[in-house]
Amino acid sequence: MGNRLRDIRRARGLTQLELARISGIPVSVIRKWESGTRTPLSDGLRTLADALDVCADQLLGRPWRRWPRW
């Protein structure tokens, strides 16, 4: 997941510090997630996905599909 997180963050033009500010997640935690030394729990994953405007499945490398907005 760390490589996908880094790639998505960079594609959004964000530094780790900027992502930390947007998400409210400490930059030290984001560094650990990107390096693969830790993985986020479900709440952190959701917060991160929201901050990056992606779904959690994209961060986890799972197949995903957009659901229609009703």
PDB file of N, CA and C in Angstrom:
ATOM      1  N   MET A   1       0.809  -1.189   0.000  1.00  0.00           N
ATOM      2  CA  MET A   1       0.000   0.000   0.000  1.00  0.00           C
ATOM      3  C   MET A   1       0.857   1.260   0.000  1.00  0.00           C
ATOM      4  N   GLY A   2       2.021   1.192   0.586  1.00  0.00           N
ATOM      5  CA  GLY A   2       2.870   2.376   0.698  1.00  0.00           C
ATOM      6  C   GLY A   2       3.224   3.007  -0.630  1.00  0.00           C
ATOM      7  N   ASN A   3       3.570   2.167  -1.610  1.00  0.00           N
ATOM      8  CA  ASN A   3       3.927   2.699  -2.929  1.00  0.00           C
ATOM      9  C   ASN A   3       2.731   3.347  -3.601  1.00  0.00           C
ATOM     10  N   ARG A   4       1.557   2.727  -3.483  1.00  0.00           N
ATOM     11  CA  ARG A   4       0.352   3.319  -4.081  1.00  0.00           C
ATOM     12  C   ARG A   4       0.032   4.649  -3.423  1.00  0.00           C
ATOM     13  N   LEU A   5       0.135   4.695  -2.107  1.00  0.00           N
ATOM     14  CA  LEU A   5      -0.115   5.942  -1.381  1.00  0.00           C
ATOM     15  C   LEU A   5       0.827   7.032  -1.877  1.00  0.00           C
ATOM     16  N   ARG A   6       2.108   6.729  -1.954  1.00  0.00           N
ATOM     17  CA  ARG A   6       3.084   7.724  -2.408  1.00  0.00           C
ATOM     18  C   ARG A   6       2.779   8.172  -3.831  1.00  0.00           C
ATOM     19  N   ASP A   7       2.470   7.219  -4.708  1.00  0.00           N
ATOM     20  CA  ASP A   7       2.188   7.564  -6.105  1.00  0.00           C
ATOM     21  C   ASP A   7       0.948   8.447  -6.236  1.00  0.00           C
ATOM     22  N   ILE A   8      -0.103   8.118  -5.495  1.00  0.00           N
ATOM     23  CA  ILE A   8      -1.331   8.925  -5.545  1.00  0.00           C
ATOM     24  C   ILE A   8      -1.079  10.311  -4.965  1.00  0.00           C
ATOM     25  N   ARG A   9      -0.359  10.364  -3.854  1.00  0.00           N
ATOM     26  CA  ARG A   9      -0.044  11.661  -3.236  1.00  0.00           C
ATOM     27  C   ARG A   9       0.744  12.530  -4.207  1.00  0.00           C
ATOM     28  N   ARG A  10       1.750  11.948  -4.838  1.00  0.00           N
ATOM     29  CA  ARG A  10       2.560  12.714  -5.791  1.00  0.00           C
ATOM     30  C   ARG A  10       1.751  13.129  -7.011  1.00  0.00           C
ATOM     31  N   ALA A  11       0.871  12.252  -7.476  1.00  0.00           N
ATOM     32  CA  ALA A  11       0.019  12.590  -8.626  1.00  0.00           C
ATOM     33  C   ALA A  11      -0.878  13.777  -8.304  1.00  0.00           C
ATOM     34  N   ARG A  12      -1.231  13.928  -7.031  1.00  0.00           N
ATOM     35  CA  ARG A  12      -2.041  15.069  -6.602  1.00  0.00           C
ATOM     36  C   ARG A  12      -1.183  16.310  -6.377  1.00  0.00           C
ATOM     37  N   GLY A  13       0.132  16.159  -6.510  1.00  0.00           N
ATOM     38  CA  GLY A  13       1.038  17.294  -6.332  1.00  0.00           C
ATOM     39  C   GLY A  13       1.233  17.676  -4.876  1.00  0.00           C
ATOM     40  N   LEU A  14       1.093  16.705  -3.974  1.00  0.00           N
ATOM     41  CA  LEU A  14       1.187  16.982  -2.540  1.00  0.00           C
ATOM     42  C   LEU A  14       2.479  16.435  -1.940  1.00  0.00           C
ATOM     43  N   THR A  15       3.022  17.156  -0.991  1.00  0.00           N
ATOM     44  CA  THR A  15       4.109  16.630  -0.177  1.00  0.00           C
ATOM     45  C   THR A  15       3.491  15.857   0.984  1.00  0.00           C
ATOM     46  N   GLN A  16       4.321  15.123   1.703  1.00  0.00           N
ATOM     47  CA  GLN A  16       3.814  14.426   2.884  1.00  0.00           C
ATOM     48  C   GLN A  16       3.275  15.423   3.899  1.00  0.00           C
ATOM     49  N   LEU A  17       3.953  16.534   4.058  1.00  0.00           N
ATOM     50  CA  LEU A  17       3.508  17.557   5.011  1.00  0.00           C
ATOM     51  C   LEU A  17       2.158  18.144   4.607  1.00  0.00           C
ATOM     52  N   GLU A  18       1.975  18.414   3.323  1.00  0.00           N
ATOM     53  CA  GLU A  18       0.699  18.950   2.855  1.00  0.00           C
ATOM     54  C   GLU A  18      -0.429  17.933   3.066  1.00  0.00           C
ATOM     55  N   LEU A  19      -0.161  16.665   2.785  1.00  0.00           N
ATOM     56  CA  LEU A  19      -1.173  15.631   3.019  1.00  0.00           C
ATOM     57  C   LEU A  19      -1.505  15.539   4.500  1.00  0.00           C
ATOM     58  N   ALA A  20      -0.505  15.671   5.342  1.00  0.00           N
ATOM     59  CA  ALA A  20      -0.741  15.650   6.788  1.00  0.00           C
ATOM     60  C   ALA A  20      -1.662  16.800   7.201  1.00  0.00           C
ATOM     61  N   ARG A  21      -1.420  17.975   6.660  1.00  0.00           N
ATOM     62  CA  ARG A  21      -2.252  19.142   6.996  1.00  0.00           C
ATOM     63  C   ARG A  21      -3.692  18.944   6.522  1.00  0.00           C
ATOM     64  N   ILE A  22      -3.849  18.431   5.303  1.00  0.00           N
ATOM     65  CA  ILE A  22      -5.186  18.237   4.736  1.00  0.00           C
ATOM     66  C   ILE A  22      -5.965  17.167   5.503  1.00  0.00           C
ATOM     67  N   SER A  23      -5.277  16.083   5.845  1.00  0.00           N
ATOM     68  CA  SER A  23      -5.951  14.930   6.439  1.00  0.00           C
ATOM     69  C   SER A  23      -6.053  14.993   7.962  1.00  0.00           C
ATOM     70  N   GLY A  24      -5.159  15.752   8.588  1.00  0.00           N
ATOM     71  CA  GLY A  24      -5.119  15.761  10.048  1.00  0.00           C
ATOM     72  C   GLY A  24      -4.353  14.577  10.625  1.00  0.00           C
ATOM     73  N   ILE A  25      -3.696  13.822   9.756  1.00  0.00           N
ATOM     74  CA  ILE A  25      -2.888  12.678  10.181  1.00  0.00           C
ATOM     75  C   ILE A  25      -1.451  13.168  10.342  1.00  0.00           C
ATOM     76  N   PRO A  26      -0.791  12.835  11.445  1.00  0.00           N
ATOM     77  CA  PRO A  26       0.591  13.301  11.634  1.00  0.00           C
ATOM     78  C   PRO A  26       1.502  12.849  10.486  1.00  0.00           C
ATOM     79  N   VAL A  27       2.404  13.738  10.074  1.00  0.00           N
ATOM     80  CA  VAL A  27       3.308  13.422   8.976  1.00  0.00           C
ATOM     81  C   VAL A  27       4.159  12.199   9.304  1.00  0.00           C
ATOM     82  N   SER A  28       4.492  11.996  10.562  1.00  0.00           N
ATOM     83  CA  SER A  28       5.288  10.824  10.941  1.00  0.00           C
ATOM     84  C   SER A  28       4.544   9.529  10.634  1.00  0.00           C
ATOM     85  N   VAL A  29       3.235   9.550  10.795  1.00  0.00           N
ATOM     86  CA  VAL A  29       2.424   8.366  10.495  1.00  0.00           C
ATOM     87  C   VAL A  29       2.353   8.145   8.985  1.00  0.00           C
ATOM     88  N   ILE A  30       2.180   9.216   8.228  1.00  0.00           N
ATOM     89  CA  ILE A  30       2.148   9.108   6.770  1.00  0.00           C
ATOM     90  C   ILE A  30       3.469   8.540   6.259  1.00  0.00           C
ATOM     91  N   ARG A  31       4.579   8.984   6.824  1.00  0.00           N
ATOM     92  CA  ARG A  31       5.896   8.450   6.428  1.00  0.00           C
ATOM     93  C   ARG A  31       5.971   6.947   6.680  1.00  0.00           C
ATOM     94  N   LYS A  32       5.487   6.516   7.820  1.00  0.00           N
ATOM     95  CA  LYS A  32       5.516   5.083   8.139  1.00  0.00           C
ATOM     96  C   LYS A  32       4.628   4.286   7.199  1.00  0.00           C
ATOM     97  N   TRP A  33       3.479   4.836   6.842  1.00  0.00           N
ATOM     98  CA  TRP A  33       2.589   4.152   5.903  1.00  0.00           C
ATOM     99  C   TRP A  33       3.244   4.049   4.540  1.00  0.00           C
ATOM    100  N   GLU A  34       3.854   5.130   4.087  1.00  0.00           N
ATOM    101  CA  GLU A  34       4.493   5.105   2.770  1.00  0.00           C
ATOM    102  C   GLU A  34       5.702   4.180   2.742  1.00  0.00           C
ATOM    103  N   SER A  35       6.418   4.085   3.830  1.00  0.00           N
ATOM    104  CA  SER A  35       7.599   3.211   3.866  1.00  0.00           C
ATOM    105  C   SER A  35       7.214   1.745   4.060  1.00  0.00           C
ATOM    106  N   GLY A  36       5.967   1.514   4.451  1.00  0.00           N
ATOM    107  CA  GLY A  36       5.506   0.143   4.648  1.00  0.00           C
ATOM    108  C   GLY A  36       5.802  -0.418   6.023  1.00  0.00           C
ATOM    109  N   THR A  37       6.293   0.408   6.946  1.00  0.00           N
ATOM    110  CA  THR A  37       6.569  -0.087   8.292  1.00  0.00           C
ATOM    111  C   THR A  37       5.304  -0.174   9.142  1.00  0.00           C
ATOM    112  N   ARG A  38       4.257   0.524   8.711  1.00  0.00           N
ATOM    113  CA  ARG A  38       2.949   0.440   9.369  1.00  0.00           C
ATOM    114  C   ARG A  38       1.874   0.508   8.304  1.00  0.00           C
ATOM    115  N   THR A  39       0.711  -0.007   8.652  1.00  0.00           N
ATOM    116  CA  THR A  39      -0.439   0.104   7.753  1.00  0.00           C
ATOM    117  C   THR A  39      -1.582   0.752   8.531  1.00  0.00           C
ATOM    118  N   PRO A  40      -2.391   1.533   7.850  1.00  0.00           N
ATOM    119  CA  PRO A  40      -3.469   2.231   8.551  1.00  0.00           C
ATOM    120  C   PRO A  40      -4.606   1.298   8.944  1.00  0.00           C
ATOM    121  N   LEU A  41      -5.244   1.630  10.042  1.00  0.00           N
ATOM    122  CA  LEU A  41      -6.481   0.960  10.420  1.00  0.00           C
ATOM    123  C   LEU A  41      -7.593   1.541   9.556  1.00  0.00           C
ATOM    124  N   SER A  42      -8.769   0.989   9.653  1.00  0.00           N
ATOM    125  CA  SER A  42      -9.858   1.387   8.755  1.00  0.00           C
ATOM    126  C   SER A  42     -10.184   2.881   8.843  1.00  0.00           C
ATOM    127  N   ASP A  43     -10.198   3.455  10.041  1.00  0.00           N
ATOM    128  CA  ASP A  43     -10.501   4.894  10.161  1.00  0.00           C
ATOM    129  C   ASP A  43      -9.438   5.751   9.482  1.00  0.00           C
ATOM    130  N   GLY A  44      -8.186   5.406   9.685  1.00  0.00           N
ATOM    131  CA  GLY A  44      -7.099   6.144   9.058  1.00  0.00           C
ATOM    132  C   GLY A  44      -7.122   6.005   7.549  1.00  0.00           C
ATOM    133  N   LEU A  45      -7.459   4.820   7.099  1.00  0.00           N
ATOM    134  CA  LEU A  45      -7.538   4.569   5.663  1.00  0.00           C
ATOM    135  C   LEU A  45      -8.635   5.412   5.024  1.00  0.00           C
ATOM    136  N   ARG A  46      -9.774   5.482   5.690  1.00  0.00           N
ATOM    137  CA  ARG A  46     -10.885   6.298   5.188  1.00  0.00           C
ATOM    138  C   ARG A  46     -10.523   7.781   5.162  1.00  0.00           C
ATOM    139  N   THR A  47      -9.885   8.238   6.220  1.00  0.00           N
ATOM    140  CA  THR A  47      -9.471   9.642   6.301  1.00  0.00           C
ATOM    141  C   THR A  47      -8.487   9.972   5.192  1.00  0.00           C
ATOM    142  N   LEU A  48      -7.540   9.081   4.988  1.00  0.00           N
ATOM    143  CA  LEU A  48      -6.541   9.266   3.948  1.00  0.00           C
ATOM    144  C   LEU A  48      -7.176   9.266   2.562  1.00  0.00           C
ATOM    145  N   ALA A  49      -8.059   8.330   2.316  1.00  0.00           N
ATOM    146  CA  ALA A  49      -8.746   8.254   1.019  1.00  0.00           C
ATOM    147  C   ALA A  49      -9.548   9.524   0.761  1.00  0.00           C
ATOM    148  N   ASP A  50     -10.245  10.011   1.770  1.00  0.00           N
ATOM    149  CA  ASP A  50     -11.017  11.250   1.623  1.00  0.00           C
ATOM    150  C   ASP A  50     -10.101  12.427   1.296  1.00  0.00           C
ATOM    151  N   ALA A  51      -8.971  12.513   1.981  1.00  0.00           N
ATOM    152  CA  ALA A  51      -8.046  13.621   1.758  1.00  0.00           C
ATOM    153  C   ALA A  51      -7.461  13.591   0.347  1.00  0.00           C
ATOM    154  N   LEU A  52      -7.294  12.381  -0.208  1.00  0.00           N
ATOM    155  CA  LEU A  52      -6.721  12.233  -1.547  1.00  0.00           C
ATOM    156  C   LEU A  52      -7.788  12.146  -2.635  1.00  0.00           C
ATOM    157  N   ASP A  53      -9.050  12.161  -2.225  1.00  0.00           N
ATOM    158  CA  ASP A  53     -10.175  12.068  -3.149  1.00  0.00           C
ATOM    159  C   ASP A  53     -10.131  10.788  -3.989  1.00  0.00           C
ATOM    160  N   VAL A  54      -9.889   9.674  -3.297  1.00  0.00           N
ATOM    161  CA  VAL A  54      -9.922   8.345  -3.909  1.00  0.00           C
ATOM    162  C   VAL A  54     -10.713   7.439  -2.977  1.00  0.00           C
ATOM    163  N   CYS A  55     -11.022   6.245  -3.436  1.00  0.00           N
ATOM    164  CA  CYS A  55     -11.671   5.300  -2.538  1.00  0.00           C
ATOM    165  C   CYS A  55     -10.585   4.453  -1.861  1.00  0.00           C
ATOM    166  N   ALA A  56     -10.918   3.890  -0.729  1.00  0.00           N
ATOM    167  CA  ALA A  56      -9.957   3.093   0.034  1.00  0.00           C
ATOM    168  C   ALA A  56      -9.452   1.912  -0.786  1.00  0.00           C
ATOM    169  N   ASP A  57     -10.301   1.350  -1.625  1.00  0.00           N
ATOM    170  CA  ASP A  57      -9.880   0.212  -2.456  1.00  0.00           C
ATOM    171  C   ASP A  57      -8.719   0.593  -3.364  1.00  0.00           C
ATOM    172  N   GLN A  58      -8.708   1.814  -3.862  1.00  0.00           N
ATOM    173  CA  GLN A  58      -7.594   2.253  -4.701  1.00  0.00           C
ATOM    174  C   GLN A  58      -6.289   2.259  -3.908  1.00  0.00           C
ATOM    175  N   LEU A  59      -6.339   2.720  -2.683  1.00  0.00           N
ATOM    176  CA  LEU A  59      -5.134   2.730  -1.852  1.00  0.00           C
ATOM    177  C   LEU A  59      -4.654   1.314  -1.554  1.00  0.00           C
ATOM    178  N   LEU A  60      -5.589   0.397  -1.413  1.00  0.00           N
ATOM    179  CA  LEU A  60      -5.241  -0.977  -1.085  1.00  0.00           C
ATOM    180  C   LEU A  60      -4.908  -1.822  -2.315  1.00  0.00           C
ATOM    181  N   GLY A  61      -5.119  -1.255  -3.504  1.00  0.00           N
ATOM    182  CA  GLY A  61      -4.815  -1.984  -4.718  1.00  0.00           C
ATOM    183  C   GLY A  61      -5.870  -2.994  -5.105  1.00  0.00           C
ATOM    184  N   ARG A  62      -7.056  -2.838  -4.571  1.00  0.00           N
ATOM    185  CA  ARG A  62      -8.164  -3.725  -4.903  1.00  0.00           C
ATOM    186  C   ARG A  62      -8.907  -3.184  -6.115  1.00  0.00           C
ATOM    187  N   PRO A  63      -9.549  -4.072  -6.871  1.00  0.00           N
ATOM    188  CA  PRO A  63     -10.396  -3.577  -7.952  1.00  0.00           C
ATOM    189  C   PRO A  63     -11.503  -2.696  -7.360  1.00  0.00           C
ATOM    190  N   TRP A  64     -11.809  -1.639  -8.017  1.00  0.00           N
ATOM    191  CA  TRP A  64     -12.842  -0.727  -7.509  1.00  0.00           C
ATOM    192  C   TRP A  64     -13.702  -0.277  -8.667  1.00  0.00           C
ATOM    193  N   ARG A  65     -14.852   0.199  -8.305  1.00  0.00           N
ATOM    194  CA  ARG A  65     -15.713   0.798  -9.317  1.00  0.00           C
ATOM    195  C   ARG A  65     -16.494   1.925  -8.671  1.00  0.00           C
ATOM    196  N   ARG A  66     -16.751   2.903  -9.451  1.00  0.00           N
ATOM    197  CA  ARG A  66     -17.520   4.036  -8.944  1.00  0.00           C
ATOM    198  C   ARG A  66     -18.993   3.668  -8.954  1.00  0.00           C
ATOM    199  N   TRP A  67     -19.636   3.937  -7.868  1.00  0.00           N
ATOM    200  CA  TRP A  67     -21.080   3.707  -7.782  1.00  0.00           C
ATOM    201  C   TRP A  67     -21.785   4.960  -8.230  1.00  0.00           C
ATOM    202  N   PRO A  68     -22.895   4.814  -8.879  1.00  0.00           N
ATOM    203  CA  PRO A  68     -23.625   6.015  -9.317  1.00  0.00           C
ATOM    204  C   PRO A  68     -24.087   6.835  -8.123  1.00  0.00           C
ATOM    205  N   ARG A  69     -24.084   8.127  -8.282  1.00  0.00           N
ATOM    206  CA  ARG A  69     -24.615   9.004  -7.221  1.00  0.00           C
ATOM    207  C   ARG A  69     -26.101   9.173  -7.461  1.00  0.00           C
ATOM    208  N   TRP A  70     -26.875   8.861  -6.500  1.00  0.00           N
ATOM    209  CA  TRP A  70     -28.353   8.902  -6.644  1.00  0.00           C
ATOM    210  C   TRP A  70     -28.879  10.249  -6.315  1.00  0.00           C
TER     211      TRP A  70
END
